[in-house]
Amino acid sequence: MPRSIRSARSNSICSVTSESGRGAKLDELLASRVKMGKKVEKGLNKEKNQSATSQDELDSNKALEPHVCTGNFSADFSELCRRNNMTFIPPVIMRPRPPAPVVQQEVSPAKGGKDKGKPSVTQPEPEQEENAEDGEPVDAPPKTFTTKDKFEYFKPSIQVEMDNQDKPDTVNEIFIRGWKVDTVMMDIFKQCWPTMEKLHSINLWNTGLNDDTLHTLSTILPQCPNIKNVTLDGNATEKEDWFELITEESPVQNLSLRHCGITNKGAKMIGRCLGSAKRANTKLLTLNLSNNKIGEEGLEEIAQGLRLNRTLLSLSLASNEIRDKGVVKLSEVLSRFPLTHEEVVERRKLMSDRSSPDRNKSPPLSRRADSKDRPGSVRSSTHQDKGGKKNEKPSAKAKKDGKGGKEEKEEKHEKTKGKKEKEDKAGAKKAAAAESQARRASLAADAKGKGNKTKGKEKGGKPAQEQEPADSQDFINPLLEGADYIDGRLWVAGNRVLINLNLSRNEIGETGLEALLKAMQYQTTLCMENKSSGTGLMRLLVGKNKVRSSHELLQKITDIMLPKDPFYKPPPQTPEVNEA
């Protein structure tokens, strides 16, 4: 091969190698830059992650701070729902009401005549009818209600009533209907409701309450300051712990448990909470247990609770499974009944406490100090020495009579001590007499008569009833009422405080109606003699049972109860016209 060709090839190879070397260097530079860029990006990402984590920690610390409810139900409820990460927060809206017709009144300044100064009512303008395309009139939309989309209407919401719509902290009634209240929602209510001072009514209709949410609700109610009315219709639970709503701590006065599937199991516990020999419910006024599954055993327990309950005014047991046996037991409680051994023991204990109220009390400190059995206090020697140094020079009279200053002081002390003892005894006698007079006045109601009135008066000339009205209004235990000893048993008057009883739409036959008739006759004769312990039943509903409406027993019960019914309006009496 010639030298020229070899030199050309070698030059080309050198150029190629030089170019390849330059390309390799460029690749290395690019690779290093890419690596540096990745490092920078990683550093930036680390800084961003650290800042994000720090921000999350700050947010979590803020979320951990408990929310303090202020009494504004709408704001507190929304904030607590947001903190519980709820996807949908039920809105708090005003309870819808039909709009009232607007009547405009204008005072016409009439100059003379009989109608001077009287308001003249302006008639509302007639609604203008719209014409359709074909010329026919179209009626205007109604103004008595508003229409909504069906999906919007059935969305969960909380309806409220307010004393003043401009003040959101004046919510007094809460209505929740048709959507499930779970444990999380009830915990939110547990934080909101106790801070609402105006709240007095809670209505949870068909909200799917279970045993846990019912127990939580029973713990919320004692914390609400002014709660009185609770309606839980349409909620069926497994354990039937409805008695937790009427315990001693519960302030509920009106309770409605319709359509709750209550059986004899739940009715037994409710009856035990209504009253027993040792304690009784003193706050519940009305109880609605209609449309449940209560039978004879459940009614017997409820009647047992009504023996010593003197607070419940209205009881509804309509549309249950009640038969004659339970009605006979209830009729016995309404007329008169013998005391059990436990009730007799409790009666004796109460009577002994009433006869000697200060038996278990220790005497006051003043009497202890002045008592004769206990020696008087002896002064220390240091005080005696100081006193001796001061009284070294006795007076002239003391020298003549041969008596020192100490002896005179001891004599004076003994005289004042005797006077104090006499005054304490006299004051104790007067206080005991006043207390006995007040107790006799407050416990004057008896089953046999109108009671013995106190004749004694105090020095001021006023009787003890006028000076101490609080004692006469105290609750009188029914075990302390007058009793009759018949066949070796003590019989007392029955419950005369219950004024409304609904037993319609059950399975009551002639035996039960006959027992009710005797109880009403007994109450009528007893209340004619003594009305201080109650008026007895004023309204009794026993329709639509096994007995036909034209039965003789039903007619007799109607004749007795109709004049007592406060809702009954007698027909107007027309004057008799003397025929010529």
Foldseek 3Di string as FASTA:
>chain_A
DDPVVVVVVVVVVVVVVVVVVVVVVVVVVVVVVVVVVVVVVVVVVVVVVVVVVVVVVVVVVVLPDDDAAQLLQQVLQVVLCVSVVPPDRAHEEADDDFDDDDWDWDFDCDDDDDCHRPIDTDDDDDDDFDADPVGDTDDDDDRRDDDDDPVVVPDWHKHFDAPDPVDSSRTAEIAGDDEAQDPSNLVSCLNRQLNRQNHAEYAYEQHADEPVSLLSVLVSQLSRDHHEYYEYENYEYDQLCPLSCQAQSGQYAEYEYANHQDELRNLLSNLVACADLVDHGAHHAEYEYEHYAYEQNSLLSNLNSQFFHQHYAAYEHHHYAYEQNSLLSNLCQLFKDFDDPSNVVSLVVVVVCVVPVCPPPDDDPVCVQLPPVDDHDDDDPVVVVVVCVVQVDADPVCVVVVHGPVVVVVVVVVVVSVVVVVVVVVVVVVVVVLVVLLQQQQQQDAQPAAGDHDDDDDPVPDRSCVVDVVSNPDDDGQSNHDWDQDPNTTMGGHHQNHAYYEYANYAYDPSSLVSNLVSLVSLVVRCVRYPPSHNHYQYYHHYHYPDDCPDPSNVSVCVSNQVSHPPHDDDDDDDDDDDD
